[in-house]
Amino acid sequence: MENNRFNFFIGFDADLKKSEAEGKRYIRGYASTPNEDRQGESLVQKGLDISDFVNYGYLNFDHDQSKLLGYPTKNTHIDDVGLWVEGVLLKGVPLADEIWDFAVALQKSNAPRRLGFSIEGKVLERRGNTILKAKIYNCA
């Protein structure tokens, strides 16, 4: 992994109530917290700049920019827990359709696993394994 790039993974939920009410497919959950990830890195949440992500970014599959699935909503924000992402998976995009169906099936069956978010961006300041400042561009 390059020293100026990073990815963090955390599970998300399909927001079935809101999706049914508004006719869109909403997914939501924390995409980042200050907890250490599997690679032994942690992110200072207040050091994240999410403006490009919220205004211009996308949800993609496995950090592949050729596999766009949807976009974050303006409800995406940083709070006391971490980076909360609400996004919409677009209907008619075959891979987004598959992901939505699978996420809903996992949720409805009370499976012990969930699909998840993995943020991506550029490190602006780092101290050891702690990313102090970063620009977030997209979320896988």
N, C-alpha and C. Protein backbone atom coordinates (compact mmCIF):
# COMPACT_ATOMS: atom_id res chain seq x y z
N MET A 1 0.85 -1.18 0.00
CA MET A 1 0.00 0.00 0.00
C MET A 1 0.89 1.23 0.00
N GLU A 2 0.58 2.18 -0.89
CA GLU A 2 1.32 3.43 -0.91
C GLU A 2 1.10 4.18 0.40
N ASN A 3 2.08 4.95 0.79
CA ASN A 3 2.01 5.68 2.05
C ASN A 3 0.97 6.80 2.03
N ASN A 4 0.57 7.29 0.86
CA ASN A 4 -0.38 8.40 0.82
C ASN A 4 -1.80 7.97 0.43
N ARG A 5 -2.08 6.66 0.34
CA ARG A 5 -3.41 6.14 0.04
C ARG A 5 -3.86 5.25 1.18
N PHE A 6 -5.17 5.09 1.34
CA PHE A 6 -5.67 4.22 2.40
C PHE A 6 -7.07 3.72 2.06
N ASN A 7 -7.47 2.64 2.72
CA ASN A 7 -8.81 2.09 2.63
C ASN A 7 -9.20 1.57 4.01
N PHE A 8 -10.43 1.82 4.45
CA PHE A 8 -10.95 1.31 5.72
C PHE A 8 -12.28 0.63 5.44
N PHE A 9 -12.56 -0.50 6.09
CA PHE A 9 -13.79 -1.25 5.86
C PHE A 9 -14.66 -1.29 7.12
N ILE A 10 -15.96 -0.97 6.99
CA ILE A 10 -16.95 -1.09 8.07
C ILE A 10 -18.29 -1.46 7.43
N GLY A 11 -19.07 -2.31 8.09
CA GLY A 11 -20.34 -2.79 7.56
C GLY A 11 -21.40 -1.71 7.43
N PHE A 12 -22.35 -1.90 6.48
CA PHE A 12 -23.46 -0.97 6.29
C PHE A 12 -24.79 -1.72 6.31
N ASP A 13 -25.88 -0.96 6.41
CA ASP A 13 -27.24 -1.52 6.38
C ASP A 13 -28.01 -0.94 5.20
N ALA A 14 -28.95 -1.72 4.71
CA ALA A 14 -29.92 -1.22 3.74
C ALA A 14 -31.03 -0.55 4.54
N ASP A 15 -31.36 0.68 4.22
CA ASP A 15 -32.42 1.40 4.93
C ASP A 15 -33.74 1.09 4.21
N LEU A 16 -34.37 -0.01 4.62
CA LEU A 16 -35.54 -0.51 3.92
C LEU A 16 -36.74 0.41 4.06
N LYS A 17 -36.94 1.00 5.23
CA LYS A 17 -38.08 1.90 5.45
C LYS A 17 -37.99 3.13 4.55
N LYS A 18 -36.86 3.81 4.59
CA LYS A 18 -36.70 5.02 3.79
C LYS A 18 -36.73 4.68 2.30
N SER A 19 -36.13 3.57 1.93
CA SER A 19 -36.09 3.16 0.52
C SER A 19 -37.49 2.92 -0.02
N GLU A 20 -38.29 2.23 0.76
CA GLU A 20 -39.66 1.95 0.33
C GLU A 20 -40.48 3.24 0.24
N ALA A 21 -40.30 4.12 1.21
CA ALA A 21 -41.07 5.36 1.25
C ALA A 21 -40.70 6.31 0.11
N GLU A 22 -39.43 6.35 -0.27
CA GLU A 22 -38.98 7.33 -1.27
C GLU A 22 -38.70 6.75 -2.65
N GLY A 23 -38.75 5.43 -2.78
CA GLY A 23 -38.54 4.81 -4.08
C GLY A 23 -37.09 4.78 -4.54
N LYS A 24 -36.17 5.01 -3.62
CA LYS A 24 -34.74 4.91 -3.91
C LYS A 24 -34.17 3.83 -3.01
N ARG A 25 -32.95 3.37 -3.31
CA ARG A 25 -32.33 2.32 -2.50
C ARG A 25 -31.22 2.93 -1.65
N TYR A 26 -31.56 3.21 -0.40
CA TYR A 26 -30.63 3.86 0.52
C TYR A 26 -29.82 2.83 1.31
N ILE A 27 -28.54 3.06 1.39
CA ILE A 27 -27.67 2.30 2.29
C ILE A 27 -27.06 3.31 3.25
N ARG A 28 -26.75 2.84 4.46
CA ARG A 28 -26.24 3.77 5.45
C ARG A 28 -25.41 3.04 6.49
N GLY A 29 -24.52 3.79 7.09
CA GLY A 29 -23.70 3.24 8.16
C GLY A 29 -22.42 4.03 8.31
N TYR A 30 -21.67 3.69 9.32
CA TYR A 30 -20.37 4.35 9.53
C TYR A 30 -19.37 3.75 8.57
N ALA A 31 -18.69 4.63 7.85
CA ALA A 31 -17.66 4.20 6.91
C ALA A 31 -16.28 4.31 7.53
N SER A 32 -16.19 5.03 8.65
CA SER A 32 -14.92 5.20 9.33
C SER A 32 -15.17 5.57 10.78
N THR A 33 -14.34 5.05 11.66
CA THR A 33 -14.33 5.43 13.07
C THR A 33 -12.86 5.56 13.46
N PRO A 34 -12.57 6.05 14.66
CA PRO A 34 -11.17 6.16 15.06
C PRO A 34 -10.52 4.82 15.40
N ASN A 35 -11.28 3.74 15.41
CA ASN A 35 -10.73 2.42 15.74
C ASN A 35 -9.72 1.97 14.71
N GLU A 36 -8.76 1.19 15.16
CA GLU A 36 -7.72 0.65 14.28
C GLU A 36 -8.35 -0.33 13.30
N ASP A 37 -7.92 -0.28 12.03
CA ASP A 37 -8.45 -1.20 11.01
C ASP A 37 -7.61 -2.47 10.94
N ARG A 38 -7.92 -3.34 9.99
CA ARG A 38 -7.21 -4.61 9.84
C ARG A 38 -5.74 -4.44 9.46
N GLN A 39 -5.41 -3.30 8.85
CA GLN A 39 -4.03 -3.03 8.47
C GLN A 39 -3.26 -2.33 9.59
N GLY A 40 -3.90 -2.14 10.74
CA GLY A 40 -3.24 -1.52 11.88
C GLY A 40 -3.19 -0.01 11.82
N GLU A 41 -4.03 0.60 10.98
CA GLU A 41 -4.07 2.06 10.88
C GLU A 41 -5.32 2.60 11.54
N SER A 42 -5.26 3.87 11.95
CA SER A 42 -6.44 4.54 12.48
C SER A 42 -6.53 5.94 11.86
N LEU A 43 -7.75 6.46 11.84
CA LEU A 43 -8.02 7.77 11.25
C LEU A 43 -8.57 8.72 12.30
N VAL A 44 -8.03 9.92 12.36
CA VAL A 44 -8.61 10.97 13.20
C VAL A 44 -9.79 11.52 12.42
N GLN A 45 -11.00 11.30 12.93
CA GLN A 45 -12.22 11.64 12.20
C GLN A 45 -12.35 13.12 11.90
N LYS A 46 -12.02 13.96 12.85
CA LYS A 46 -12.15 15.41 12.65
C LYS A 46 -11.11 15.93 11.65
N GLY A 47 -10.16 15.08 11.27
CA GLY A 47 -9.17 15.46 10.27
C GLY A 47 -9.56 15.07 8.85
N LEU A 48 -10.77 14.53 8.68
CA LEU A 48 -11.23 14.11 7.36
C LEU A 48 -11.93 15.26 6.64
N ASP A 49 -11.55 15.48 5.41
CA ASP A 49 -12.24 16.45 4.55
C ASP A 49 -13.11 15.64 3.60
N ILE A 50 -14.42 15.68 3.80
CA ILE A 50 -15.35 14.88 3.00
C ILE A 50 -16.08 15.71 1.95
N SER A 51 -15.70 16.97 1.79
CA SER A 51 -16.45 17.86 0.89
C SER A 51 -16.48 17.36 -0.55
N ASP A 52 -15.36 16.91 -1.09
CA ASP A 52 -15.35 16.38 -2.46
C ASP A 52 -16.20 15.13 -2.58
N PHE A 53 -16.14 14.27 -1.57
CA PHE A 53 -16.94 13.04 -1.59
C PHE A 53 -18.43 13.36 -1.61
N VAL A 54 -18.87 14.23 -0.71
CA VAL A 54 -20.30 14.56 -0.61
C VAL A 54 -20.79 15.28 -1.87
N ASN A 55 -19.99 16.17 -2.41
CA ASN A 55 -20.44 16.99 -3.54
C ASN A 55 -20.18 16.39 -4.91
N TYR A 56 -19.15 15.54 -5.04
CA TYR A 56 -18.77 15.04 -6.37
C TYR A 56 -18.47 13.54 -6.40
N GLY A 57 -18.38 12.90 -5.25
CA GLY A 57 -17.92 11.52 -5.18
C GLY A 57 -18.98 10.49 -5.52
N TYR A 58 -18.54 9.24 -5.56
CA TYR A 58 -19.40 8.11 -5.90
C TYR A 58 -19.21 6.96 -4.93
N LEU A 59 -20.17 6.06 -4.95
CA LEU A 59 -20.04 4.75 -4.36
C LEU A 59 -19.61 3.85 -5.51
N ASN A 60 -18.56 3.08 -5.29
CA ASN A 60 -18.07 2.20 -6.35
C ASN A 60 -17.91 0.79 -5.80
N PHE A 61 -17.58 -0.15 -6.67
CA PHE A 61 -17.38 -1.53 -6.25
C PHE A 61 -15.89 -1.80 -6.12
N ASP A 62 -15.48 -2.16 -4.92
CA ASP A 62 -14.12 -2.61 -4.64
C ASP A 62 -13.04 -1.63 -5.11
N HIS A 63 -13.31 -0.33 -4.95
CA HIS A 63 -12.37 0.74 -5.30
C HIS A 63 -12.06 0.79 -6.80
N ASP A 64 -12.98 0.28 -7.60
CA ASP A 64 -12.82 0.27 -9.06
C ASP A 64 -13.68 1.40 -9.64
N GLN A 65 -13.04 2.45 -10.15
CA GLN A 65 -13.76 3.63 -10.66
C GLN A 65 -14.55 3.33 -11.94
N SER A 66 -14.32 2.17 -12.55
CA SER A 66 -15.11 1.81 -13.73
C SER A 66 -16.40 1.08 -13.33
N LYS A 67 -16.59 0.83 -12.01
CA LYS A 67 -17.78 0.14 -11.52
C LYS A 67 -18.51 1.03 -10.51
N LEU A 68 -19.10 2.10 -11.03
CA LEU A 68 -19.83 3.03 -10.19
C LEU A 68 -21.22 2.48 -9.88
N LEU A 69 -21.64 2.61 -8.61
CA LEU A 69 -22.89 2.02 -8.14
C LEU A 69 -23.93 3.05 -7.70
N GLY A 70 -23.46 4.22 -7.29
CA GLY A 70 -24.37 5.22 -6.76
C GLY A 70 -23.60 6.42 -6.23
N TYR A 71 -24.21 7.13 -5.29
CA TYR A 71 -23.62 8.38 -4.80
C TYR A 71 -24.02 8.62 -3.35
N PRO A 72 -23.22 9.42 -2.62
CA PRO A 72 -23.58 9.76 -1.25
C PRO A 72 -24.65 10.86 -1.25
N THR A 73 -25.46 10.90 -0.20
CA THR A 73 -26.44 11.97 -0.06
C THR A 73 -25.85 13.07 0.82
N LYS A 74 -26.56 14.16 0.91
CA LYS A 74 -26.13 15.28 1.76
C LYS A 74 -26.23 14.94 3.24
N ASN A 75 -26.84 13.80 3.59
CA ASN A 75 -26.89 13.36 4.98
C ASN A 75 -25.57 12.76 5.44
N THR A 76 -24.63 12.59 4.56
CA THR A 76 -23.30 12.10 4.90
C THR A 76 -22.59 13.17 5.73
N HIS A 77 -22.02 12.75 6.86
CA HIS A 77 -21.41 13.73 7.78
C HIS A 77 -20.44 13.05 8.74
N ILE A 78 -19.70 13.85 9.47
CA ILE A 78 -18.82 13.36 10.53
C ILE A 78 -19.45 13.78 11.86
N ASP A 79 -19.62 12.80 12.76
CA ASP A 79 -20.17 13.09 14.08
C ASP A 79 -19.20 12.58 15.15
N ASP A 80 -19.66 12.45 16.38
CA ASP A 80 -18.79 12.03 17.47
C ASP A 80 -18.31 10.58 17.35
N VAL A 81 -19.00 9.77 16.57
CA VAL A 81 -18.61 8.37 16.37
C VAL A 81 -17.66 8.22 15.20
N GLY A 82 -17.94 8.93 14.11
CA GLY A 82 -17.10 8.80 12.92
C GLY A 82 -17.76 9.35 11.68
N LEU A 83 -17.35 8.84 10.53
CA LEU A 83 -17.89 9.27 9.25
C LEU A 83 -19.13 8.43 8.93
N TRP A 84 -20.30 9.08 9.00
CA TRP A 84 -21.58 8.45 8.69
C TRP A 84 -21.87 8.68 7.21
N VAL A 85 -22.12 7.61 6.49
CA VAL A 85 -22.43 7.71 5.06
C VAL A 85 -23.85 7.22 4.82
N GLU A 86 -24.60 8.04 4.11
CA GLU A 86 -25.87 7.61 3.55
C GLU A 86 -25.69 7.74 2.05
N GLY A 87 -26.00 6.67 1.33
CA GLY A 87 -25.85 6.70 -0.12
C GLY A 87 -27.03 6.05 -0.80
N VAL A 88 -27.10 6.26 -2.09
CA VAL A 88 -28.15 5.68 -2.93
C VAL A 88 -27.48 4.76 -3.94
N LEU A 89 -27.95 3.49 -3.98
CA LEU A 89 -27.53 2.57 -5.03
C LEU A 89 -28.50 2.74 -6.19
N LEU A 90 -27.97 3.01 -7.37
CA LEU A 90 -28.80 3.31 -8.53
C LEU A 90 -29.50 2.07 -9.08
N LYS A 91 -30.78 2.22 -9.38
CA LYS A 91 -31.54 1.16 -10.02
C LYS A 91 -31.13 1.08 -11.49
N GLY A 92 -31.10 -0.13 -12.02
CA GLY A 92 -30.76 -0.32 -13.43
C GLY A 92 -29.28 -0.52 -13.68
N VAL A 93 -28.45 -0.37 -12.66
CA VAL A 93 -27.03 -0.69 -12.77
C VAL A 93 -26.91 -2.13 -12.27
N PRO A 94 -26.64 -3.09 -13.15
CA PRO A 94 -26.71 -4.51 -12.77
C PRO A 94 -25.94 -4.86 -11.48
N LEU A 95 -24.74 -4.36 -11.33
CA LEU A 95 -23.96 -4.68 -10.13
C LEU A 95 -24.59 -4.04 -8.89
N ALA A 96 -25.12 -2.83 -9.01
CA ALA A 96 -25.81 -2.18 -7.89
C ALA A 96 -27.07 -2.96 -7.53
N ASP A 97 -27.77 -3.47 -8.53
CA ASP A 97 -28.96 -4.29 -8.30
C ASP A 97 -28.60 -5.55 -7.50
N GLU A 98 -27.51 -6.21 -7.89
CA GLU A 98 -27.06 -7.42 -7.20
C GLU A 98 -26.65 -7.12 -5.76
N ILE A 99 -25.92 -6.04 -5.57
CA ILE A 99 -25.46 -5.68 -4.22
C ILE A 99 -26.66 -5.36 -3.33
N TRP A 100 -27.63 -4.61 -3.85
CA TRP A 100 -28.83 -4.28 -3.07
C TRP A 100 -29.56 -5.56 -2.67
N ASP A 101 -29.80 -6.44 -3.62
CA ASP A 101 -30.52 -7.69 -3.34
C ASP A 101 -29.79 -8.51 -2.28
N PHE A 102 -28.47 -8.59 -2.38
CA PHE A 102 -27.70 -9.37 -1.43
C PHE A 102 -27.70 -8.71 -0.05
N ALA A 103 -27.54 -7.39 0.01
CA ALA A 103 -27.56 -6.68 1.29
C ALA A 103 -28.91 -6.86 1.99
N VAL A 104 -29.99 -6.77 1.24
CA VAL A 104 -31.33 -6.95 1.81
C VAL A 104 -31.50 -8.38 2.30
N ALA A 105 -31.04 -9.35 1.52
CA ALA A 105 -31.16 -10.76 1.93
C ALA A 105 -30.38 -11.01 3.22
N LEU A 106 -29.17 -10.47 3.32
CA LEU A 106 -28.39 -10.63 4.55
C LEU A 106 -29.13 -10.04 5.74
N GLN A 107 -29.66 -8.85 5.55
CA GLN A 107 -30.34 -8.15 6.63
C GLN A 107 -31.60 -8.87 7.07
N LYS A 108 -32.42 -9.28 6.11
CA LYS A 108 -33.69 -9.94 6.43
C LYS A 108 -33.49 -11.31 7.07
N SER A 109 -32.38 -11.96 6.75
CA SER A 109 -32.12 -13.29 7.32
C SER A 109 -31.37 -13.22 8.65
N ASN A 110 -31.10 -12.00 9.12
CA ASN A 110 -30.33 -11.81 10.35
C ASN A 110 -28.98 -12.53 10.30
N ALA A 111 -28.37 -12.50 9.13
CA ALA A 111 -27.07 -13.14 8.95
C ALA A 111 -26.03 -12.48 9.85
N PRO A 112 -25.02 -13.22 10.25
CA PRO A 112 -23.98 -12.65 11.13
C PRO A 112 -22.96 -11.80 10.39
N ARG A 113 -23.22 -11.49 9.13
CA ARG A 113 -22.30 -10.68 8.33
C ARG A 113 -23.08 -9.61 7.58
N ARG A 114 -22.34 -8.56 7.17
CA ARG A 114 -22.94 -7.49 6.38
C ARG A 114 -21.95 -7.09 5.29
N LEU A 115 -22.49 -6.54 4.23
CA LEU A 115 -21.63 -5.88 3.26
C LEU A 115 -21.14 -4.60 3.92
N GLY A 116 -20.09 -4.00 3.38
CA GLY A 116 -19.57 -2.84 4.09
C GLY A 116 -19.01 -1.77 3.20
N PHE A 117 -18.76 -0.64 3.85
CA PHE A 117 -18.13 0.51 3.23
C PHE A 117 -16.63 0.42 3.39
N SER A 118 -15.92 0.95 2.44
CA SER A 118 -14.48 1.13 2.54
C SER A 118 -14.18 2.48 1.90
N ILE A 119 -13.74 3.42 2.73
CA ILE A 119 -13.47 4.75 2.20
C ILE A 119 -12.12 4.78 1.51
N GLU A 120 -11.99 5.72 0.59
CA GLU A 120 -10.71 5.87 -0.10
C GLU A 120 -10.41 7.35 -0.23
N GLY A 121 -9.14 7.64 -0.17
CA GLY A 121 -8.74 9.03 -0.28
C GLY A 121 -7.24 9.19 -0.23
N LYS A 122 -6.83 10.41 0.02
CA LYS A 122 -5.41 10.74 0.03
C LYS A 122 -5.02 11.25 1.42
N VAL A 123 -3.92 10.70 1.93
CA VAL A 123 -3.40 11.13 3.22
C VAL A 123 -2.75 12.50 3.05
N LEU A 124 -3.13 13.44 3.93
CA LEU A 124 -2.53 14.77 3.93
C LEU A 124 -1.52 14.91 5.06
N GLU A 125 -1.76 14.18 6.17
CA GLU A 125 -0.83 14.21 7.30
C GLU A 125 -0.93 12.89 8.06
N ARG A 126 0.23 12.33 8.38
CA ARG A 126 0.30 11.03 9.05
C ARG A 126 1.33 11.09 10.16
N ARG A 127 1.05 10.37 11.24
CA ARG A 127 2.02 10.16 12.31
C ARG A 127 2.02 8.67 12.60
N GLY A 128 3.05 7.97 12.13
CA GLY A 128 3.09 6.51 12.29
C GLY A 128 1.93 5.86 11.58
N ASN A 129 1.17 5.06 12.31
CA ASN A 129 0.00 4.37 11.74
C ASN A 129 -1.29 5.15 11.92
N THR A 130 -1.18 6.41 12.33
CA THR A 130 -2.36 7.25 12.51
C THR A 130 -2.42 8.30 11.41
N ILE A 131 -3.54 8.32 10.70
CA ILE A 131 -3.76 9.32 9.68
C ILE A 131 -4.45 10.50 10.36
N LEU A 132 -3.75 11.63 10.41
CA LEU A 132 -4.25 12.81 11.12
C LEU A 132 -5.18 13.65 10.24
N LYS A 133 -4.85 13.74 8.95
CA LYS A 133 -5.65 14.51 8.00
C LYS A 133 -5.70 13.76 6.68
N ALA A 134 -6.88 13.77 6.07
CA ALA A 134 -7.04 13.08 4.78
C ALA A 134 -8.20 13.69 4.02
N LYS A 135 -8.12 13.57 2.71
CA LYS A 135 -9.18 14.00 1.80
C LYS A 135 -9.88 12.73 1.32
N ILE A 136 -11.20 12.65 1.51
CA ILE A 136 -11.97 11.50 1.08
C ILE A 136 -12.58 11.79 -0.28
N TYR A 137 -12.40 10.87 -1.23
CA TYR A 137 -12.90 11.07 -2.59
C TYR A 137 -14.10 10.19 -2.93
N ASN A 138 -14.04 8.92 -2.52
CA ASN A 138 -15.09 7.96 -2.86
C ASN A 138 -15.24 6.94 -1.75
N CYS A 139 -16.24 6.10 -1.90
CA CYS A 139 -16.48 5.05 -0.94
C CYS A 139 -16.85 3.79 -1.71
N ALA A 140 -16.18 2.70 -1.40
CA ALA A 140 -16.46 1.41 -2.06
C ALA A 140 -17.45 0.63 -1.22
